[in-house]
């Protein structure tokens, strides 16, 4: 499977994003699902909307290069999705309360410098 792909049957539901390292994505592909340490530690996987992406990158990944961006449809997720306030003065963030199946990922692309603006 090519590491960057787009699934043709994209949904019209809200697009959600997750930032991931290439190594973590390769491991998820081998397992068929993605369950990062934050899922066990905090009980959920951090997601964001396209509008929240630059804020998240600047706050949590300021000096990290080589990251990937997973695009997801809110309608395709099998685990519960909750919108919760995590940062003051920011709209609620989407949190996925369970593992992410790799077949639920709509597209994968590298994080670009433009994503950080």
Protein backbone atom coordinates (compact mmCIF):
# COMPACT_ATOMS: atom_id res chain seq x y z
CA UNK A 1 0.00 0.00 0.00
CA UNK A 2 1.31 3.43 -0.92
CA UNK A 3 1.92 5.56 2.21
CA UNK A 4 -0.04 8.50 0.76
CA UNK A 5 -3.47 7.68 -0.55
CA UNK A 6 -6.96 9.03 -0.93
CA UNK A 7 -10.02 6.84 -0.67
CA UNK A 8 -12.49 7.62 -3.48
CA UNK A 9 -15.73 7.27 -1.51
CA UNK A 10 -15.26 10.40 0.60
CA UNK A 11 -18.14 11.42 2.86
CA UNK A 12 -19.81 14.82 3.14
CA UNK A 13 -19.61 14.67 6.96
CA UNK A 14 -17.27 17.05 8.81
CA UNK A 15 -13.60 16.37 8.13
CA UNK A 16 -11.47 15.70 11.18
CA UNK A 17 -7.68 15.54 11.27
CA UNK A 18 -5.04 13.69 13.24
CA UNK A 19 -1.29 14.38 13.24
CA UNK A 20 0.89 11.27 13.28
CA UNK A 21 4.50 10.27 12.71
CA UNK A 22 5.29 8.09 9.67
CA UNK A 23 6.54 5.35 12.02
CA UNK A 24 3.30 5.32 14.01
CA UNK A 25 1.29 5.22 10.79
CA UNK A 26 3.31 2.26 9.46
CA UNK A 27 2.75 0.41 12.75
CA UNK A 28 -0.98 1.18 12.58
CA UNK A 29 -1.13 -0.23 9.05
CA UNK A 30 0.46 -3.47 10.26
CA UNK A 31 -2.04 -3.73 13.14
CA UNK A 32 -5.07 -2.49 11.22
CA UNK A 33 -5.77 0.12 13.88
CA UNK A 34 -4.15 3.02 15.67
CA UNK A 35 -4.18 3.18 19.46
CA UNK A 36 -1.57 5.75 20.58
CA UNK A 37 -0.38 6.06 24.19
CA UNK A 38 -2.77 8.99 24.78
CA UNK A 39 -5.69 6.59 24.31
CA UNK A 40 -4.62 4.59 27.36
CA UNK A 41 -3.36 7.62 29.29
CA UNK A 42 -6.22 10.05 28.61
CA UNK A 43 -8.91 7.75 27.28
CA UNK A 44 -9.11 9.31 23.81
CA UNK A 45 -7.25 10.19 20.61
CA UNK A 46 -6.76 13.90 19.95
CA UNK A 47 -8.29 15.13 16.70
CA UNK A 48 -8.83 18.60 15.29
CA UNK A 49 -10.76 20.36 12.57
CA UNK A 50 -9.06 21.94 9.56
CA UNK A 51 -9.63 25.32 11.22
CA UNK A 52 -7.82 24.17 14.39
CA UNK A 53 -4.84 22.57 12.61
CA UNK A 54 -2.42 25.52 12.61
CA UNK A 55 -3.11 26.18 16.31
CA UNK A 56 -2.44 22.52 17.19
CA UNK A 57 0.75 22.37 15.11
CA UNK A 58 2.13 25.57 16.63
CA UNK A 59 1.24 24.53 20.19
CA UNK A 60 2.16 20.83 20.21
CA UNK A 61 4.53 20.29 17.25
CA UNK A 62 6.46 23.55 16.82
CA UNK A 63 9.80 21.98 15.84
CA UNK A 64 8.73 18.62 14.43
CA UNK A 65 9.13 17.93 10.74
CA UNK A 66 8.15 14.90 8.69
CA UNK A 67 4.70 14.50 10.24
CA UNK A 68 1.68 13.10 8.43
CA UNK A 69 -1.88 14.35 8.48
CA UNK A 70 -4.73 11.84 8.51
CA UNK A 71 -8.13 13.02 7.27
CA UNK A 72 -11.20 11.33 8.70
CA UNK A 73 -14.95 11.63 8.25
CA UNK A 74 -16.90 12.06 11.48
CA UNK A 75 -19.53 9.68 10.06
CA UNK A 76 -17.03 6.87 9.41
CA UNK A 77 -15.64 6.53 12.92
CA UNK A 78 -16.60 3.39 14.85
CA UNK A 79 -15.53 4.70 18.28
CA UNK A 80 -17.49 7.42 20.12
CA UNK A 81 -16.63 10.99 19.16
CA UNK A 82 -17.02 13.82 21.68
CA UNK A 83 -16.42 17.55 21.28
CA UNK A 84 -14.71 18.89 24.39
CA UNK A 85 -12.98 22.08 25.50
CA UNK A 86 -9.26 21.44 25.99
CA UNK A 87 -7.76 24.88 25.50
CA UNK A 88 -9.15 28.11 26.96
CA UNK A 89 -10.45 30.55 24.36
CA UNK A 90 -10.61 27.80 21.71
CA UNK A 91 -13.65 26.05 20.29
CA UNK A 92 -14.21 22.45 21.43
CA UNK A 93 -11.87 19.84 20.00
CA UNK A 94 -12.99 16.44 18.70
CA UNK A 95 -11.82 13.49 20.80
CA UNK A 96 -12.11 9.88 19.64
CA UNK A 97 -12.84 7.54 22.56
CA UNK A 98 -11.42 4.36 21.07
CA UNK A 99 -8.92 3.07 18.54
CA UNK A 100 -8.93 4.38 15.00
CA UNK A 101 -9.23 1.70 12.34
CA UNK A 102 -6.89 2.35 9.43
CA UNK A 103 -9.68 1.68 6.92
CA UNK A 104 -11.50 4.72 8.35
CA UNK A 105 -8.77 7.09 7.14
CA UNK A 106 -9.91 9.02 4.06
CA UNK A 107 -6.55 10.46 3.07
CA UNK A 108 -2.96 10.80 4.23
CA UNK A 109 -0.54 13.54 3.33
CA UNK A 110 2.56 15.20 4.74
CA UNK A 111 2.14 18.19 7.03
CA UNK A 112 3.32 21.22 5.06
CA UNK A 113 4.73 24.58 6.17
CA UNK A 114 1.46 26.16 4.99
CA UNK A 115 -0.45 24.05 7.55
CA UNK A 116 1.39 25.90 10.32
CA UNK A 117 0.29 29.38 9.23
